[in-house]
Amino acid sequence: MMLRIFIAIFLSVSAYFFYQSYWGEQGIKREEELAKQIEYQEQINKRLKVRNDALRAQISDLRRGGDAIEEHVRTELQYIKDGEVFYRIVEK
């Protein structure tokens, strides 16, 4: 009789620990979920780093010289200097 009670308690405790180690708050499933979140955030961080590096390079170019400023104004605002001729090519 004592052996049956001991086995029942042992199996209950073992099942509880198995459940906690797999589905519990700090279990394997939670670890996998967190790993996916970390991977996703690292991808976002890489894209933002590339964008930030491009912006830093653009700022550096703008600070260094007038040529970069002129190029920026020409492309963004379609600036035309005095004496230049502007040709617009329209596709049909």
PDB file of N, CA and C in Angstrom:
ATOM      1  N   MET A   1       0.819  -1.189   0.000  1.00  0.00           N
ATOM      2  CA  MET A   1       0.000   0.000   0.000  1.00  0.00           C
ATOM      3  C   MET A   1       0.866   1.257   0.000  1.00  0.00           C
ATOM      4  N   MET A   2       1.904   1.307   0.833  1.00  0.00           N
ATOM      5  CA  MET A   2       2.806   2.455   0.906  1.00  0.00           C
ATOM      6  C   MET A   2       3.531   2.679  -0.413  1.00  0.00           C
ATOM      7  N   LEU A   3       3.893   1.591  -1.065  1.00  0.00           N
ATOM      8  CA  LEU A   3       4.598   1.692  -2.333  1.00  0.00           C
ATOM      9  C   LEU A   3       3.713   2.342  -3.394  1.00  0.00           C
ATOM     10  N   ARG A   4       2.415   2.001  -3.412  1.00  0.00           N
ATOM     11  CA  ARG A   4       1.487   2.595  -4.373  1.00  0.00           C
ATOM     12  C   ARG A   4       1.330   4.097  -4.127  1.00  0.00           C
ATOM     13  N   ILE A   5       1.255   4.478  -2.883  1.00  0.00           N
ATOM     14  CA  ILE A   5       1.130   5.902  -2.550  1.00  0.00           C
ATOM     15  C   ILE A   5       2.405   6.635  -2.959  1.00  0.00           C
ATOM     16  N   PHE A   6       3.541   6.047  -2.673  1.00  0.00           N
ATOM     17  CA  PHE A   6       4.813   6.648  -3.055  1.00  0.00           C
ATOM     18  C   PHE A   6       4.907   6.797  -4.573  1.00  0.00           C
ATOM     19  N   ILE A   7       4.523   5.760  -5.331  1.00  0.00           N
ATOM     20  CA  ILE A   7       4.571   5.812  -6.793  1.00  0.00           C
ATOM     21  C   ILE A   7       3.602   6.875  -7.311  1.00  0.00           C
ATOM     22  N   ALA A   8       2.424   6.971  -6.740  1.00  0.00           N
ATOM     23  CA  ALA A   8       1.441   7.972  -7.172  1.00  0.00           C
ATOM     24  C   ALA A   8       1.971   9.389  -6.919  1.00  0.00           C
ATOM     25  N   ILE A   9       2.557   9.607  -5.766  1.00  0.00           N
ATOM     26  CA  ILE A   9       3.120  10.920  -5.447  1.00  0.00           C
ATOM     27  C   ILE A   9       4.292  11.227  -6.375  1.00  0.00           C
ATOM     28  N   PHE A  10       5.143  10.246  -6.583  1.00  0.00           N
ATOM     29  CA  PHE A  10       6.292  10.429  -7.475  1.00  0.00           C
ATOM     30  C   PHE A  10       5.847  10.781  -8.897  1.00  0.00           C
ATOM     31  N   LEU A  11       4.854  10.068  -9.423  1.00  0.00           N
ATOM     32  CA  LEU A  11       4.360  10.351 -10.767  1.00  0.00           C
ATOM     33  C   LEU A  11       3.699  11.726 -10.852  1.00  0.00           C
ATOM     34  N   SER A  12       2.982  12.098  -9.811  1.00  0.00           N
ATOM     35  CA  SER A  12       2.339  13.419  -9.789  1.00  0.00           C
ATOM     36  C   SER A  12       3.384  14.533  -9.801  1.00  0.00           C
ATOM     37  N   VAL A  13       4.389  14.393  -8.958  1.00  0.00           N
ATOM     38  CA  VAL A  13       5.445  15.401  -8.886  1.00  0.00           C
ATOM     39  C   VAL A  13       6.232  15.430 -10.194  1.00  0.00           C
ATOM     40  N   SER A  14       6.515  14.274 -10.752  1.00  0.00           N
ATOM     41  CA  SER A  14       7.234  14.216 -12.028  1.00  0.00           C
ATOM     42  C   SER A  14       6.425  14.873 -13.146  1.00  0.00           C
ATOM     43  N   ALA A  15       5.122  14.608 -13.203  1.00  0.00           N
ATOM     44  CA  ALA A  15       4.267  15.227 -14.216  1.00  0.00           C
ATOM     45  C   ALA A  15       4.230  16.737 -14.045  1.00  0.00           C
ATOM     46  N   TYR A  16       4.156  17.210 -12.806  1.00  0.00           N
ATOM     47  CA  TYR A  16       4.142  18.650 -12.542  1.00  0.00           C
ATOM     48  C   TYR A  16       5.447  19.301 -13.018  1.00  0.00           C
ATOM     49  N   PHE A  17       6.580  18.695 -12.697  1.00  0.00           N
ATOM     50  CA  PHE A  17       7.864  19.261 -13.118  1.00  0.00           C
ATOM     51  C   PHE A  17       8.030  19.216 -14.640  1.00  0.00           C
ATOM     52  N   PHE A  18       7.558  18.145 -15.270  1.00  0.00           N
ATOM     53  CA  PHE A  18       7.614  18.073 -16.726  1.00  0.00           C
ATOM     54  C   PHE A  18       6.768  19.190 -17.339  1.00  0.00           C
ATOM     55  N   TYR A  19       5.567  19.374 -16.810  1.00  0.00           N
ATOM     56  CA  TYR A  19       4.687  20.436 -17.314  1.00  0.00           C
ATOM     57  C   TYR A  19       5.357  21.803 -17.152  1.00  0.00           C
ATOM     58  N   GLN A  20       5.930  22.071 -15.999  1.00  0.00           N
ATOM     59  CA  GLN A  20       6.581  23.360 -15.745  1.00  0.00           C
ATOM     60  C   GLN A  20       7.805  23.565 -16.625  1.00  0.00           C
ATOM     61  N   SER A  21       8.552  22.506 -16.865  1.00  0.00           N
ATOM     62  CA  SER A  21       9.762  22.662 -17.677  1.00  0.00           C
ATOM     63  C   SER A  21       9.439  22.849 -19.155  1.00  0.00           C
ATOM     64  N   TYR A  22       8.272  22.420 -19.594  1.00  0.00           N
ATOM     65  CA  TYR A  22       7.931  22.559 -21.013  1.00  0.00           C
ATOM     66  C   TYR A  22       7.012  23.748 -21.273  1.00  0.00           C
ATOM     67  N   TRP A  23       5.927  23.857 -20.546  1.00  0.00           N
ATOM     68  CA  TRP A  23       4.943  24.911 -20.793  1.00  0.00           C
ATOM     69  C   TRP A  23       4.932  26.003 -19.731  1.00  0.00           C
ATOM     70  N   GLY A  24       5.737  25.899 -18.729  1.00  0.00           N
ATOM     71  CA  GLY A  24       5.752  26.880 -17.645  1.00  0.00           C
ATOM     72  C   GLY A  24       6.299  28.227 -18.079  1.00  0.00           C
ATOM     73  N   GLU A  25       6.310  29.169 -17.150  1.00  0.00           N
ATOM     74  CA  GLU A  25       6.733  30.533 -17.448  1.00  0.00           C
ATOM     75  C   GLU A  25       8.177  30.601 -17.939  1.00  0.00           C
ATOM     76  N   GLN A  26       9.022  29.735 -17.435  1.00  0.00           N
ATOM     77  CA  GLN A  26      10.416  29.704 -17.869  1.00  0.00           C
ATOM     78  C   GLN A  26      10.740  28.397 -18.591  1.00  0.00           C
ATOM     79  N   GLY A  27       9.738  27.838 -19.255  1.00  0.00           N
ATOM     80  CA  GLY A  27       9.899  26.555 -19.919  1.00  0.00           C
ATOM     81  C   GLY A  27      10.444  26.674 -21.329  1.00  0.00           C
ATOM     82  N   ILE A  28      10.514  25.542 -21.977  1.00  0.00           N
ATOM     83  CA  ILE A  28      11.088  25.440 -23.312  1.00  0.00           C
ATOM     84  C   ILE A  28      10.265  26.227 -24.327  1.00  0.00           C
ATOM     85  N   LYS A  29       8.943  26.147 -24.238  1.00  0.00           N
ATOM     86  CA  LYS A  29       8.086  26.883 -25.175  1.00  0.00           C
ATOM     87  C   LYS A  29       8.309  28.389 -25.062  1.00  0.00           C
ATOM     88  N   ARG A  30       8.409  28.883 -23.853  1.00  0.00           N
ATOM     89  CA  ARG A  30       8.633  30.314 -23.636  1.00  0.00           C
ATOM     90  C   ARG A  30       9.999  30.727 -24.180  1.00  0.00           C
ATOM     91  N   GLU A  31      10.987  29.865 -23.999  1.00  0.00           N
ATOM     92  CA  GLU A  31      12.329  30.139 -24.503  1.00  0.00           C
ATOM     93  C   GLU A  31      12.330  30.230 -26.032  1.00  0.00           C
ATOM     94  N   GLU A  32      11.611  29.321 -26.689  1.00  0.00           N
ATOM     95  CA  GLU A  32      11.517  29.356 -28.152  1.00  0.00           C
ATOM     96  C   GLU A  32      10.819  30.630 -28.619  1.00  0.00           C
ATOM     97  N   GLU A  33       9.766  31.015 -27.918  1.00  0.00           N
ATOM     98  CA  GLU A  33       9.035  32.235 -28.262  1.00  0.00           C
ATOM     99  C   GLU A  33       9.931  33.471 -28.119  1.00  0.00           C
ATOM    100  N   LEU A  34      10.684  33.525 -27.044  1.00  0.00           N
ATOM    101  CA  LEU A  34      11.601  34.643 -26.832  1.00  0.00           C
ATOM    102  C   LEU A  34      12.720  34.661 -27.867  1.00  0.00           C
ATOM    103  N   ALA A  35      13.195  33.495 -28.261  1.00  0.00           N
ATOM    104  CA  ALA A  35      14.242  33.427 -29.290  1.00  0.00           C
ATOM    105  C   ALA A  35      13.726  33.978 -30.620  1.00  0.00           C
ATOM    106  N   LYS A  36      12.478  33.686 -30.967  1.00  0.00           N
ATOM    107  CA  LYS A  36      11.888  34.224 -32.186  1.00  0.00           C
ATOM    108  C   LYS A  36      11.754  35.743 -32.096  1.00  0.00           C
ATOM    109  N   GLN A  37      11.344  36.239 -30.942  1.00  0.00           N
ATOM    110  CA  GLN A  37      11.217  37.684 -30.758  1.00  0.00           C
ATOM    111  C   GLN A  37      12.573  38.369 -30.876  1.00  0.00           C
ATOM    112  N   ILE A  38      13.596  37.758 -30.305  1.00  0.00           N
ATOM    113  CA  ILE A  38      14.948  38.332 -30.385  1.00  0.00           C
ATOM    114  C   ILE A  38      15.425  38.359 -31.828  1.00  0.00           C
ATOM    115  N   GLU A  39      15.197  37.289 -32.574  1.00  0.00           N
ATOM    116  CA  GLU A  39      15.613  37.229 -33.979  1.00  0.00           C
ATOM    117  C   GLU A  39      14.909  38.309 -34.798  1.00  0.00           C
ATOM    118  N   TYR A  40      13.611  38.482 -34.573  1.00  0.00           N
ATOM    119  CA  TYR A  40      12.842  39.500 -35.282  1.00  0.00           C
ATOM    120  C   TYR A  40      13.367  40.898 -34.962  1.00  0.00           C
ATOM    121  N   GLN A  41      13.640  41.150 -33.685  1.00  0.00           N
ATOM    122  CA  GLN A  41      14.144  42.468 -33.287  1.00  0.00           C
ATOM    123  C   GLN A  41      15.538  42.720 -33.842  1.00  0.00           C
ATOM    124  N   GLU A  42      16.375  41.690 -33.931  1.00  0.00           N
ATOM    125  CA  GLU A  42      17.706  41.852 -34.519  1.00  0.00           C
ATOM    126  C   GLU A  42      17.619  42.211 -35.995  1.00  0.00           C
ATOM    127  N   GLN A  43      16.652  41.624 -36.714  1.00  0.00           N
ATOM    128  CA  GLN A  43      16.456  41.980 -38.124  1.00  0.00           C
ATOM    129  C   GLN A  43      16.047  43.443 -38.258  1.00  0.00           C
ATOM    130  N   ILE A  44      15.143  43.884 -37.404  1.00  0.00           N
ATOM    131  CA  ILE A  44      14.724  45.287 -37.422  1.00  0.00           C
ATOM    132  C   ILE A  44      15.915  46.188 -37.118  1.00  0.00           C
ATOM    133  N   ASN A  45      16.702  45.819 -36.125  1.00  0.00           N
ATOM    134  CA  ASN A  45      17.870  46.617 -35.754  1.00  0.00           C
ATOM    135  C   ASN A  45      18.883  46.713 -36.886  1.00  0.00           C
ATOM    136  N   LYS A  46      19.077  45.627 -37.637  1.00  0.00           N
ATOM    137  CA  LYS A  46      20.012  45.658 -38.770  1.00  0.00           C
ATOM    138  C   LYS A  46      19.537  46.638 -39.837  1.00  0.00           C
ATOM    139  N   ARG A  47      18.227  46.589 -40.162  1.00  0.00           N
ATOM    140  CA  ARG A  47      17.695  47.520 -41.165  1.00  0.00           C
ATOM    141  C   ARG A  47      17.840  48.963 -40.699  1.00  0.00           C
ATOM    142  N   LEU A  48      17.559  49.213 -39.415  1.00  0.00           N
ATOM    143  CA  LEU A  48      17.671  50.570 -38.889  1.00  0.00           C
ATOM    144  C   LEU A  48      19.124  51.032 -38.855  1.00  0.00           C
ATOM    145  N   LYS A  49      20.050  50.109 -38.592  1.00  0.00           N
ATOM    146  CA  LYS A  49      21.468  50.470 -38.586  1.00  0.00           C
ATOM    147  C   LYS A  49      21.919  50.883 -39.979  1.00  0.00           C
ATOM    148  N   VAL A  50      21.481  50.142 -41.000  1.00  0.00           N
ATOM    149  CA  VAL A  50      21.831  50.492 -42.380  1.00  0.00           C
ATOM    150  C   VAL A  50      21.272  51.869 -42.721  1.00  0.00           C
ATOM    151  N   ARG A  51      20.029  52.117 -42.340  1.00  0.00           N
ATOM    152  CA  ARG A  51      19.417  53.419 -42.607  1.00  0.00           C
ATOM    153  C   ARG A  51      20.147  54.532 -41.865  1.00  0.00           C
ATOM    154  N   ASN A  52      20.495  54.296 -40.609  1.00  0.00           N
ATOM    155  CA  ASN A  52      21.217  55.300 -39.826  1.00  0.00           C
ATOM    156  C   ASN A  52      22.595  55.580 -40.407  1.00  0.00           C
ATOM    157  N   ASP A  53      23.277  54.535 -40.858  1.00  0.00           N
ATOM    158  CA  ASP A  53      24.594  54.740 -41.475  1.00  0.00           C
ATOM    159  C   ASP A  53      24.485  55.585 -42.735  1.00  0.00           C
ATOM    160  N   ALA A  54      23.441  55.327 -43.536  1.00  0.00           N
ATOM    161  CA  ALA A  54      23.240  56.125 -44.751  1.00  0.00           C
ATOM    162  C   ALA A  54      22.949  57.585 -44.394  1.00  0.00           C
ATOM    163  N   LEU A  55      22.141  57.796 -43.379  1.00  0.00           N
ATOM    164  CA  LEU A  55      21.838  59.169 -42.958  1.00  0.00           C
ATOM    165  C   LEU A  55      23.072  59.869 -42.400  1.00  0.00           C
ATOM    166  N   ARG A  56      23.892  59.133 -41.650  1.00  0.00           N
ATOM    167  CA  ARG A  56      25.128  59.730 -41.118  1.00  0.00           C
ATOM    168  C   ARG A  56      26.066  60.129 -42.257  1.00  0.00           C
ATOM    169  N   ALA A  57      26.168  59.273 -43.273  1.00  0.00           N
ATOM    170  CA  ALA A  57      27.013  59.589 -44.428  1.00  0.00           C
ATOM    171  C   ALA A  57      26.478  60.807 -45.165  1.00  0.00           C
ATOM    172  N   GLN A  58      25.186  60.886 -45.311  1.00  0.00           N
ATOM    173  CA  GLN A  58      24.587  62.042 -45.983  1.00  0.00           C
ATOM    174  C   GLN A  58      24.824  63.320 -45.184  1.00  0.00           C
ATOM    175  N   ILE A  59      24.680  63.265 -43.885  1.00  0.00           N
ATOM    176  CA  ILE A  59      24.934  64.434 -43.031  1.00  0.00           C
ATOM    177  C   ILE A  59      26.389  64.852 -43.136  1.00  0.00           C
ATOM    178  N   SER A  60      27.283  63.869 -43.115  1.00  0.00           N
ATOM    179  CA  SER A  60      28.706  64.164 -43.233  1.00  0.00           C
ATOM    180  C   SER A  60      29.012  64.856 -44.566  1.00  0.00           C
ATOM    181  N   ASP A  61      28.422  64.356 -45.649  1.00  0.00           N
ATOM    182  CA  ASP A  61      28.618  64.986 -46.965  1.00  0.00           C
ATOM    183  C   ASP A  61      28.078  66.408 -46.977  1.00  0.00           C
ATOM    184  N   LEU A  62      26.925  66.608 -46.376  1.00  0.00           N
ATOM    185  CA  LEU A  62      26.332  67.946 -46.357  1.00  0.00           C
ATOM    186  C   LEU A  62      27.168  68.923 -45.534  1.00  0.00           C
ATOM    187  N   ARG A  63      27.782  68.437 -44.470  1.00  0.00           N
ATOM    188  CA  ARG A  63      28.610  69.308 -43.628  1.00  0.00           C
ATOM    189  C   ARG A  63      29.926  69.662 -44.301  1.00  0.00           C
ATOM    190  N   ARG A  64      30.455  68.737 -45.121  1.00  0.00           N
ATOM    191  CA  ARG A  64      31.774  68.931 -45.706  1.00  0.00           C
ATOM    192  C   ARG A  64      31.811  69.920 -46.858  1.00  0.00           C
ATOM    193  N   GLY A  65      30.810  69.911 -47.706  1.00  0.00           N
ATOM    194  CA  GLY A  65      30.977  70.774 -48.869  1.00  0.00           C
ATOM    195  C   GLY A  65      29.688  71.213 -49.509  1.00  0.00           C
ATOM    196  N   GLY A  66      29.850  72.245 -50.338  1.00  0.00           N
ATOM    197  CA  GLY A  66      28.722  72.805 -51.044  1.00  0.00           C
ATOM    198  C   GLY A  66      28.239  71.925 -52.179  1.00  0.00           C
ATOM    199  N   ASP A  67      29.127  71.093 -52.720  1.00  0.00           N
ATOM    200  CA  ASP A  67      28.728  70.223 -53.826  1.00  0.00           C
ATOM    201  C   ASP A  67      27.628  69.256 -53.398  1.00  0.00           C
ATOM    202  N   ALA A  68      27.753  68.717 -52.214  1.00  0.00           N
ATOM    203  CA  ALA A  68      26.740  67.788 -51.732  1.00  0.00           C
ATOM    204  C   ALA A  68      25.415  68.505 -51.506  1.00  0.00           C
ATOM    205  N   ILE A  69      25.487  69.721 -50.982  1.00  0.00           N
ATOM    206  CA  ILE A  69      24.262  70.501 -50.769  1.00  0.00           C
ATOM    207  C   ILE A  69      23.606  70.805 -52.104  1.00  0.00           C
ATOM    208  N   GLU A  70      24.419  71.215 -53.076  1.00  0.00           N
ATOM    209  CA  GLU A  70      23.874  71.520 -54.398  1.00  0.00           C
ATOM    210  C   GLU A  70      23.242  70.285 -55.031  1.00  0.00           C
ATOM    211  N   GLU A  71      23.916  69.165 -54.920  1.00  0.00           N
ATOM    212  CA  GLU A  71      23.370  67.929 -55.477  1.00  0.00           C
ATOM    213  C   GLU A  71      22.038  67.574 -54.821  1.00  0.00           C
ATOM    214  N   HIS A  72      21.981  67.739 -53.491  1.00  0.00           N
ATOM    215  CA  HIS A  72      20.749  67.442 -52.758  1.00  0.00           C
ATOM    216  C   HIS A  72      19.615  68.366 -53.219  1.00  0.00           C
ATOM    217  N   VAL A  73      19.914  69.652 -53.358  1.00  0.00           N
ATOM    218  CA  VAL A  73      18.897  70.610 -53.793  1.00  0.00           C
ATOM    219  C   VAL A  73      18.450  70.303 -55.215  1.00  0.00           C
ATOM    220  N   ARG A  74      19.383  69.947 -56.078  1.00  0.00           N
ATOM    221  CA  ARG A  74      19.032  69.642 -57.469  1.00  0.00           C
ATOM    222  C   ARG A  74      18.122  68.416 -57.564  1.00  0.00           C
ATOM    223  N   THR A  75      18.431  67.376 -56.814  1.00  0.00           N
ATOM    224  CA  THR A  75      17.637  66.147 -56.923  1.00  0.00           C
ATOM    225  C   THR A  75      16.304  66.261 -56.195  1.00  0.00           C
ATOM    226  N   GLU A  76      16.325  66.840 -54.997  1.00  0.00           N
ATOM    227  CA  GLU A  76      15.100  66.895 -54.199  1.00  0.00           C
ATOM    228  C   GLU A  76      14.171  68.017 -54.639  1.00  0.00           C
ATOM    229  N   LEU A  77      14.719  69.169 -54.964  1.00  0.00           N
ATOM    230  CA  LEU A  77      13.895  70.341 -55.269  1.00  0.00           C
ATOM    231  C   LEU A  77      13.933  70.724 -56.744  1.00  0.00           C
ATOM    232  N   GLN A  78      14.631  69.952 -57.555  1.00  0.00           N
ATOM    233  CA  GLN A  78      14.774  70.190 -58.991  1.00  0.00           C
ATOM    234  C   GLN A  78      15.275  71.609 -59.286  1.00  0.00           C
ATOM    235  N   TYR A  79      16.337  71.951 -58.609  1.00  0.00           N
ATOM    236  CA  TYR A  79      16.951  73.264 -58.748  1.00  0.00           C
ATOM    237  C   TYR A  79      17.692  73.351 -60.087  1.00  0.00           C
ATOM    238  N   ILE A  80      17.586  74.519 -60.738  1.00  0.00           N
ATOM    239  CA  ILE A  80      18.288  74.771 -61.997  1.00  0.00           C
ATOM    240  C   ILE A  80      19.092  76.050 -61.812  1.00  0.00           C
ATOM    241  N   LYS A  81      20.371  76.005 -62.184  1.00  0.00           N
ATOM    242  CA  LYS A  81      21.228  77.181 -62.072  1.00  0.00           C
ATOM    243  C   LYS A  81      20.907  78.183 -63.176  1.00  0.00           C
ATOM    244  N   ASP A  82      21.335  79.432 -62.951  1.00  0.00           N
ATOM    245  CA  ASP A  82      21.208  80.442 -63.995  1.00  0.00           C
ATOM    246  C   ASP A  82      22.092  80.047 -65.170  1.00  0.00           C
ATOM    247  N   GLY A  83      21.564  80.175 -66.363  1.00  0.00           N
ATOM    248  CA  GLY A  83      22.328  79.855 -67.560  1.00  0.00           C
ATOM    249  C   GLY A  83      22.207  78.406 -67.985  1.00  0.00           C
ATOM    250  N   GLU A  84      21.590  77.563 -67.188  1.00  0.00           N
ATOM    251  CA  GLU A  84      21.393  76.168 -67.576  1.00  0.00           C
ATOM    252  C   GLU A  84      20.083  76.035 -68.337  1.00  0.00           C
ATOM    253  N   VAL A  85      20.029  75.035 -69.194  1.00  0.00           N
ATOM    254  CA  VAL A  85      18.815  74.751 -69.935  1.00  0.00           C
ATOM    255  C   VAL A  85      18.249  73.445 -69.402  1.00  0.00           C
ATOM    256  N   PHE A  86      16.963  73.452 -69.089  1.00  0.00           N
ATOM    257  CA  PHE A  86      16.291  72.286 -68.545  1.00  0.00           C
ATOM    258  C   PHE A  86      15.476  71.603 -69.635  1.00  0.00           C
ATOM    259  N   TYR A  87      15.723  70.334 -69.828  1.00  0.00           N
ATOM    260  CA  TYR A  87      14.966  69.545 -70.801  1.00  0.00           C
ATOM    261  C   TYR A  87      14.168  68.497 -70.049  1.00  0.00           C
ATOM    262  N   ARG A  88      12.897  68.441 -70.308  1.00  0.00           N
ATOM    263  CA  ARG A  88      12.055  67.409 -69.698  1.00  0.00           C
ATOM    264  C   ARG A  88      11.659  66.437 -70.795  1.00  0.00           C
ATOM    265  N   ILE A  89      11.902  65.169 -70.569  1.00  0.00           N
ATOM    266  CA  ILE A  89      11.561  64.139 -71.539  1.00  0.00           C
ATOM    267  C   ILE A  89      10.322  63.420 -71.010  1.00  0.00           C
ATOM    268  N   VAL A  90       9.261  63.497 -71.786  1.00  0.00           N
ATOM    269  CA  VAL A  90       8.004  62.904 -71.377  1.00  0.00           C
ATOM    270  C   VAL A  90       7.770  61.655 -72.222  1.00  0.00           C
ATOM    271  N   GLU A  91       7.535  60.543 -71.537  1.00  0.00           N
ATOM    272  CA  GLU A  91       7.267  59.285 -72.241  1.00  0.00           C
ATOM    273  C   GLU A  91       5.783  59.207 -72.548  1.00  0.00           C
ATOM    274  N   LYS A  92       5.469  58.677 -73.725  1.00  0.00           N
ATOM    275  CA  LYS A  92       4.064  58.530 -74.116  1.00  0.00           C
ATOM    276  C   LYS A  92       3.553  57.161 -73.804  1.00  0.00           C
TER     277      LYS A  92
END
